[in-house]
Amino acid sequence: MVVPTLIETTAHIDEKRAFEFWRYSALAGFGDVEPIRPREPFSAKRLTVTIGDCILLHTVSSPVSLEIRSRHIDRNAQDMVVIRLGLVGLGYQTQLDRGGRLVAGDLSFLTRSRPLVTGTQTPYEEIRLAVPRATFESLVGSVDALAGHSISEHPTTAEARANFQRLASSLGWMTECEAQAAIEGTLHLIGRAIDASASSRERPLPHATIASLTQAYIIRHLRDPELDPAAISIALGVSRTSLYRALVETGGIAAAIRDARLDLVQRSLAAPGNERMKISTVAYACGFTDVPTFNRSFRRRFGLSPRDYQAAHGDGTCDAS
């Protein structure tokens, strides 16, 4: 008997409703799901193959973000571990204070029994294999040690990746006995890939290095209103917890972004030729999205309102709107 398969797609759905259809069908029960590019058309398709307690998902989709919080976790459900192989696109994940950026070729691991954040920044193609915790730990390794981690593409792990892709392309045509054997073989190879990469795994970056890289990234992207801790975490390939720890002595990552933007506004208001520029225009150009909040933050940092500061450094003919 061939294993059960299901194909889902948004191809027949109006593009304005495509994401909502996908959210409440293919992604139902997965937690808080949001589109990364809500103003762009959304499309997705997925092959799901069920083999006993194991599930394989082969997905091609527009970018999405997913967060599973404590309230989403069914404590009575079977503990499942998810192995992901990225084929196309740039992604990210964080769990148990571990994680960061994912690129094509990375193998990564998550458990459904703990809160997590994952998603992609670009259109993507991926394969995910969900297996019971007991199966994973008997054939691959410790869930608690691997959850949130990833293995970068490397010659020593090429066999496991190639086998994972062959499994995804042929599983739907196998009998259940053949499929179970194929999954066990793939898990054995992934376990060997973990062992092969363990000795060469990079040590975590020191906090001082992370802080320096973060400040440099903030300066380069100050004018982007979507600059936030999540974007920096993904770009630098470090977890949000690592970011917070690296900048805790200076007030945290959000404060670092805000203060850098305020400094840019201050320089802009004091620059020759900007005496007549609208305060709101400067604020928006420097990445702020809420002018009243910006005004309060500016006064707290510099002791003057933006209007008074501009007047004091210009010719007194500013437009305060």
Protein backbone atom coordinates (compact mmCIF):
# COMPACT_ATOMS: atom_id res chain seq x y z
CA MET A 1 0.00 0.00 0.00
CA VAL A 2 1.41 3.40 -1.04
CA VAL A 3 1.76 5.96 1.78
CA PRO A 4 -0.88 8.75 1.97
CA THR A 5 0.00 12.03 0.25
CA LEU A 6 -1.67 15.45 0.08
CA ILE A 7 -0.98 18.34 -2.28
CA GLU A 8 -2.03 21.87 -1.24
CA THR A 9 -1.71 25.02 -3.35
CA THR A 10 -2.90 28.61 -3.62
CA ALA A 11 -2.93 28.45 -7.43
CA HIS A 12 -6.75 28.43 -7.55
CA ILE A 13 -7.18 31.22 -4.96
CA ASP A 14 -7.52 34.94 -5.70
CA GLU A 15 -4.15 36.53 -4.88
CA LYS A 16 -5.75 38.95 -2.39
CA ARG A 17 -7.03 36.01 -0.36
CA ALA A 18 -4.15 33.60 -0.98
CA PHE A 19 -2.26 34.18 2.27
CA GLU A 20 -5.35 33.93 4.47
CA PHE A 21 -6.27 30.69 2.70
CA TRP A 22 -2.77 29.31 3.31
CA ARG A 23 -2.74 30.50 6.93
CA TYR A 24 -6.00 28.71 7.77
CA SER A 25 -5.37 25.58 5.72
CA ALA A 26 -1.76 24.44 5.27
CA LEU A 27 -0.48 26.44 8.28
CA ALA A 28 -3.45 25.95 10.60
CA GLY A 29 -2.35 25.01 14.10
CA PHE A 30 1.25 26.10 13.58
CA GLY A 31 1.14 29.22 15.79
CA ASP A 32 1.26 32.91 14.86
CA VAL A 33 1.91 33.16 11.11
CA GLU A 34 2.42 36.40 9.18
CA PRO A 35 3.47 37.27 5.62
CA ILE A 36 6.88 38.94 5.31
CA ARG A 37 5.80 41.01 2.30
CA PRO A 38 2.09 41.70 2.89
CA ARG A 39 1.80 44.12 -0.04
CA GLU A 40 3.08 41.59 -2.57
CA PRO A 41 1.08 38.70 -4.10
CA PHE A 42 1.35 35.50 -2.09
CA SER A 43 1.69 31.99 -3.52
CA ALA A 44 2.54 28.60 -2.07
CA LYS A 45 2.32 24.88 -2.69
CA ARG A 46 3.09 21.91 -0.48
CA LEU A 47 3.39 18.15 -0.71
CA THR A 48 2.63 16.32 2.56
CA VAL A 49 3.48 12.63 2.99
CA THR A 50 2.42 10.79 6.15
CA ILE A 51 4.28 7.63 7.21
CA GLY A 52 3.08 6.26 10.53
CA ASP A 53 4.09 8.86 13.13
CA CYS A 54 6.38 10.70 10.69
CA ILE A 55 5.42 13.55 8.35
CA LEU A 56 7.41 14.92 5.41
CA LEU A 57 6.60 18.38 4.00
CA HIS A 58 8.06 19.71 0.73
CA THR A 59 7.11 23.39 0.45
CA VAL A 60 7.62 26.16 -2.13
CA SER A 61 6.28 29.48 -0.85
CA SER A 62 6.43 33.23 -0.60
CA PRO A 63 8.20 34.29 2.63
CA VAL A 64 6.39 33.91 5.95
CA SER A 65 7.22 34.22 9.65
CA LEU A 66 6.09 31.75 12.31
CA GLU A 67 6.16 32.04 16.08
CA ILE A 68 5.06 29.24 18.38
CA ARG A 69 4.42 30.52 21.90
CA SER A 70 3.80 28.52 25.06
CA ARG A 71 0.03 28.86 24.59
CA HIS A 72 0.27 27.12 21.19
CA ILE A 73 1.95 23.99 22.57
CA ASP A 74 -0.26 20.98 23.25
CA ARG A 75 1.35 19.34 26.27
CA ASN A 76 -0.67 16.17 25.64
CA ALA A 77 0.48 15.77 22.04
CA GLN A 78 3.35 13.57 20.97
CA ASP A 79 6.71 15.35 21.16
CA MET A 80 7.84 15.83 17.55
CA VAL A 81 11.24 16.96 16.28
CA VAL A 82 11.51 18.77 12.94
CA ILE A 83 14.53 18.46 10.65
CA ARG A 84 14.68 21.10 7.91
CA LEU A 85 16.74 21.18 4.74
CA GLY A 86 16.67 24.55 2.96
CA LEU A 87 16.85 24.28 -0.82
CA VAL A 88 16.23 27.89 -1.89
CA GLY A 89 16.04 31.19 -0.01
CA LEU A 90 17.24 32.88 3.17
CA GLY A 91 15.64 31.86 6.45
CA TYR A 92 16.11 32.06 10.22
CA GLN A 93 15.19 30.24 13.41
CA THR A 94 15.60 30.67 17.17
CA GLN A 95 14.86 28.20 19.95
CA LEU A 96 16.30 27.68 23.44
CA ASP A 97 18.45 30.82 23.01
CA ARG A 98 20.10 29.34 19.92
CA GLY A 99 19.76 29.98 16.24
CA GLY A 100 20.29 32.59 13.58
CA ARG A 101 20.36 32.87 9.82
CA LEU A 102 19.73 29.86 7.55
CA VAL A 103 20.85 29.59 3.94
CA ALA A 104 20.27 27.02 1.22
CA GLY A 105 21.95 23.75 2.14
CA ASP A 106 21.66 24.16 5.91
CA LEU A 107 20.23 21.33 7.98
CA SER A 108 18.45 22.64 11.08
CA PHE A 109 16.56 21.23 14.06
CA LEU A 110 13.55 22.31 16.13
CA THR A 111 11.28 20.67 18.66
CA ARG A 112 7.54 21.33 18.69
CA SER A 113 7.47 21.05 22.49
CA ARG A 114 9.23 24.40 23.10
CA PRO A 115 8.52 27.99 21.94
CA LEU A 116 10.28 28.93 18.73
CA VAL A 117 10.61 31.59 16.04
CA THR A 118 11.27 30.67 12.43
CA GLY A 119 10.60 31.96 8.94
CA THR A 120 12.14 33.22 5.73
CA GLN A 121 13.11 36.60 4.33
CA THR A 122 12.81 35.56 0.68
CA PRO A 123 10.72 33.15 -1.39
CA TYR A 124 11.85 29.68 -0.39
CA GLU A 125 11.83 25.96 -1.01
CA GLU A 126 12.41 23.55 1.85
CA ILE A 127 11.96 19.98 3.02
CA ARG A 128 10.87 19.30 6.60
CA LEU A 129 10.74 15.89 8.23
CA ALA A 130 8.90 15.61 11.56
CA VAL A 131 9.66 12.50 13.62
CA PRO A 132 8.84 11.44 17.19
CA ARG A 133 11.38 12.46 19.82
CA ALA A 134 12.17 8.84 20.68
CA THR A 135 12.93 8.03 17.03
CA PHE A 136 15.13 11.12 16.66
CA GLU A 137 17.12 10.42 19.81
CA SER A 138 17.68 6.76 18.93
CA LEU A 139 18.94 7.50 15.39
CA VAL A 140 20.25 11.09 15.39
CA GLY A 141 21.08 12.54 18.80
CA SER A 142 19.86 14.52 21.80
CA VAL A 143 16.93 16.82 21.07
CA ASP A 144 17.86 19.20 23.90
CA ALA A 145 21.41 19.51 22.55
CA LEU A 146 20.38 20.07 18.92
CA ALA A 147 17.15 22.13 19.06
CA GLY A 148 17.79 25.56 17.55
CA HIS A 149 21.09 24.51 15.98
CA SER A 150 21.91 24.13 12.30
CA ILE A 151 24.65 22.45 10.25
CA SER A 152 26.08 24.44 7.37
CA GLU A 153 26.68 22.86 3.99
CA HIS A 154 29.98 20.98 4.02
CA PRO A 155 31.52 18.09 2.05
CA THR A 156 31.30 15.81 5.11
CA THR A 157 27.51 16.25 5.23
CA ALA A 158 26.79 16.15 1.48
CA GLU A 159 25.63 12.51 1.59
CA ALA A 160 22.97 13.25 4.21
CA ARG A 161 21.63 16.22 2.23
CA ALA A 162 21.52 14.31 -1.04
CA ASN A 163 19.74 11.42 0.65
CA PHE A 164 17.23 13.81 2.26
CA GLN A 165 16.36 15.24 -1.17
CA ARG A 166 16.00 11.77 -2.71
CA LEU A 167 13.73 10.80 0.17
CA ALA A 168 11.46 13.79 -0.49
CA SER A 169 11.21 13.08 -4.22
CA SER A 170 10.46 9.36 -3.90
CA LEU A 171 8.65 8.91 -0.58
CA GLY A 172 5.19 9.40 -2.06
CA TRP A 173 5.67 6.38 -4.33
CA MET A 174 6.86 3.95 -1.64
CA THR A 175 4.96 1.42 0.38
CA GLU A 176 4.80 2.11 4.11
CA CYS A 177 7.48 -0.49 4.88
CA GLU A 178 9.80 0.97 2.22
CA ALA A 179 9.14 4.48 3.52
CA GLN A 180 9.92 3.56 7.12
CA ALA A 181 13.22 2.00 6.07
CA ALA A 182 14.10 5.02 3.91
CA ILE A 183 13.39 7.44 6.77
CA GLU A 184 15.54 5.44 9.18
CA GLY A 185 18.38 5.45 6.64
CA THR A 186 18.12 9.23 6.24
CA LEU A 187 18.12 9.76 10.01
CA HIS A 188 21.23 7.58 10.36
CA LEU A 189 23.03 9.72 7.75
CA ILE A 190 21.95 12.94 9.47
CA GLY A 191 23.30 11.60 12.75
CA ARG A 192 26.63 10.88 11.06
CA ALA A 193 26.61 14.39 9.54
CA ILE A 194 26.18 15.89 13.01
CA ASP A 195 29.11 13.86 14.33
CA ALA A 196 31.26 14.90 11.35
CA SER A 197 30.52 18.61 11.83
CA ALA A 198 30.78 18.66 15.63
CA SER A 199 34.55 18.96 15.70
CA SER A 200 34.55 21.91 13.30
CA ARG A 201 31.59 23.78 14.79
CA GLU A 202 32.41 27.45 15.37
CA ARG A 203 32.49 28.82 18.90
CA PRO A 204 29.94 31.52 19.72
CA LEU A 205 31.10 35.07 19.00
CA PRO A 206 32.23 37.08 22.03
CA HIS A 207 29.73 39.70 23.24
CA ALA A 208 32.10 42.52 22.36
CA THR A 209 32.32 41.29 18.77
CA ILE A 210 28.54 40.96 18.49
CA ALA A 211 28.09 44.48 19.89
CA SER A 212 30.56 45.89 17.37
CA LEU A 213 28.94 44.09 14.43
CA THR A 214 25.50 45.18 15.62
CA GLN A 215 26.45 48.85 15.87
CA ALA A 216 27.96 48.73 12.37
CA TYR A 217 24.82 47.10 10.97
CA ILE A 218 22.57 49.66 12.68
CA ILE A 219 24.54 52.57 11.21
CA ARG A 220 24.26 51.11 7.70
CA HIS A 221 20.50 50.56 7.97
CA LEU A 222 19.32 53.47 10.14
CA ARG A 223 16.96 54.84 7.51
CA ASP A 224 15.13 51.53 7.12
CA PRO A 225 11.91 51.74 9.19
CA GLU A 226 11.81 47.93 9.40
CA LEU A 227 15.17 47.76 11.18
CA ASP A 228 14.53 45.85 14.41
CA PRO A 229 16.17 43.18 16.61
CA ALA A 230 14.76 40.36 14.48
CA ALA A 231 16.25 41.79 11.28
CA ILE A 232 19.65 42.26 12.93
CA SER A 233 19.57 38.74 14.41
CA ILE A 234 18.94 37.26 10.98
CA ALA A 235 21.51 39.41 9.19
CA LEU A 236 24.30 38.63 11.69
CA GLY A 237 23.37 34.98 12.14
CA VAL A 238 23.09 35.20 15.93
CA SER A 239 20.17 34.63 18.28
CA ARG A 240 18.14 37.50 19.72
CA THR A 241 19.26 36.47 23.19
CA SER A 242 22.90 36.87 22.14
CA LEU A 243 22.11 40.35 20.83
CA TYR A 244 20.41 41.39 24.06
CA ARG A 245 23.26 40.07 26.19
CA ALA A 246 25.85 41.85 24.03
CA LEU A 247 24.11 45.23 24.38
CA VAL A 248 22.54 44.96 27.82
CA GLU A 249 25.06 47.36 29.37
CA THR A 250 24.08 50.09 26.88
CA GLY A 251 20.33 49.69 27.33
CA GLY A 252 19.57 46.94 24.85
CA ILE A 253 19.18 46.58 21.10
CA ALA A 254 16.02 48.70 20.71
CA ALA A 255 17.66 51.55 22.62
CA ALA A 256 20.75 51.30 20.42
CA ILE A 257 18.61 51.66 17.28
CA ARG A 258 16.59 54.54 18.74
CA ASP A 259 19.63 56.48 19.99
CA ALA A 260 21.51 56.06 16.71
CA ARG A 261 18.48 57.42 14.83
CA LEU A 262 18.17 60.35 17.25
CA ASP A 263 21.82 61.19 16.71
CA LEU A 264 21.25 61.15 12.95
CA VAL A 265 18.24 63.48 13.35
CA GLN A 266 20.29 65.83 15.52
CA ARG A 267 23.02 66.05 12.89
CA SER A 268 20.43 66.60 10.17
CA LEU A 269 18.68 69.42 12.03
CA ALA A 270 21.99 71.17 12.68
CA ALA A 271 23.28 70.76 9.11
CA PRO A 272 23.54 73.97 7.01
CA GLY A 273 20.66 74.32 4.58
CA ASN A 274 18.20 72.29 6.64
CA GLU A 275 16.76 75.23 8.62
CA ARG A 276 13.43 75.10 6.78
CA MET A 277 13.07 71.31 6.62
CA LYS A 278 9.97 69.88 8.30
CA ILE A 279 10.64 68.03 11.54
CA SER A 280 8.42 65.15 10.44
CA THR A 281 10.28 64.82 7.15
CA VAL A 282 13.60 64.49 8.97
CA ALA A 283 12.14 61.98 11.44
CA TYR A 284 10.70 59.75 8.70
CA ALA A 285 13.90 59.99 6.66
CA CYS A 286 15.87 58.75 9.68
CA GLY A 287 13.70 55.65 10.19
CA PHE A 288 11.13 56.85 12.74
CA THR A 289 7.52 55.92 12.01
CA ASP A 290 5.69 57.78 14.81
CA VAL A 291 6.36 61.53 15.14
CA PRO A 292 4.91 62.06 18.67
CA THR A 293 7.04 59.21 20.03
CA PHE A 294 10.04 60.62 18.20
CA ASN A 295 9.43 64.10 19.70
CA ARG A 296 9.35 62.72 23.25
CA SER A 297 12.48 60.62 22.70
CA PHE A 298 14.36 63.59 21.21
CA ARG A 299 13.50 65.84 24.15
CA ARG A 300 14.60 63.21 26.67
CA ARG A 301 17.93 62.70 24.91
CA PHE A 302 18.85 66.31 24.06
CA GLY A 303 16.85 68.41 26.53
CA LEU A 304 15.05 70.34 23.77
CA SER A 305 12.18 69.65 21.44
CA PRO A 306 13.21 69.02 17.81
CA ARG A 307 11.63 72.39 16.88
CA ASP A 308 13.58 74.28 19.54
CA TYR A 309 16.80 72.47 18.67
CA GLN A 310 16.39 73.32 14.98
CA ALA A 311 15.64 76.94 15.80
CA ALA A 312 18.69 77.19 18.04
CA HIS A 313 20.98 75.85 15.34
CA GLY A 314 19.36 77.49 12.31
CA ASP A 315 18.03 80.89 11.41
CA GLY A 316 14.83 80.50 13.43
CA THR A 317 12.55 80.10 10.41
CA CYS A 318 11.86 76.38 10.68
CA ASP A 319 8.61 74.61 9.84
CA ALA A 320 7.65 72.57 12.90
CA SER A 321 5.04 70.36 11.23
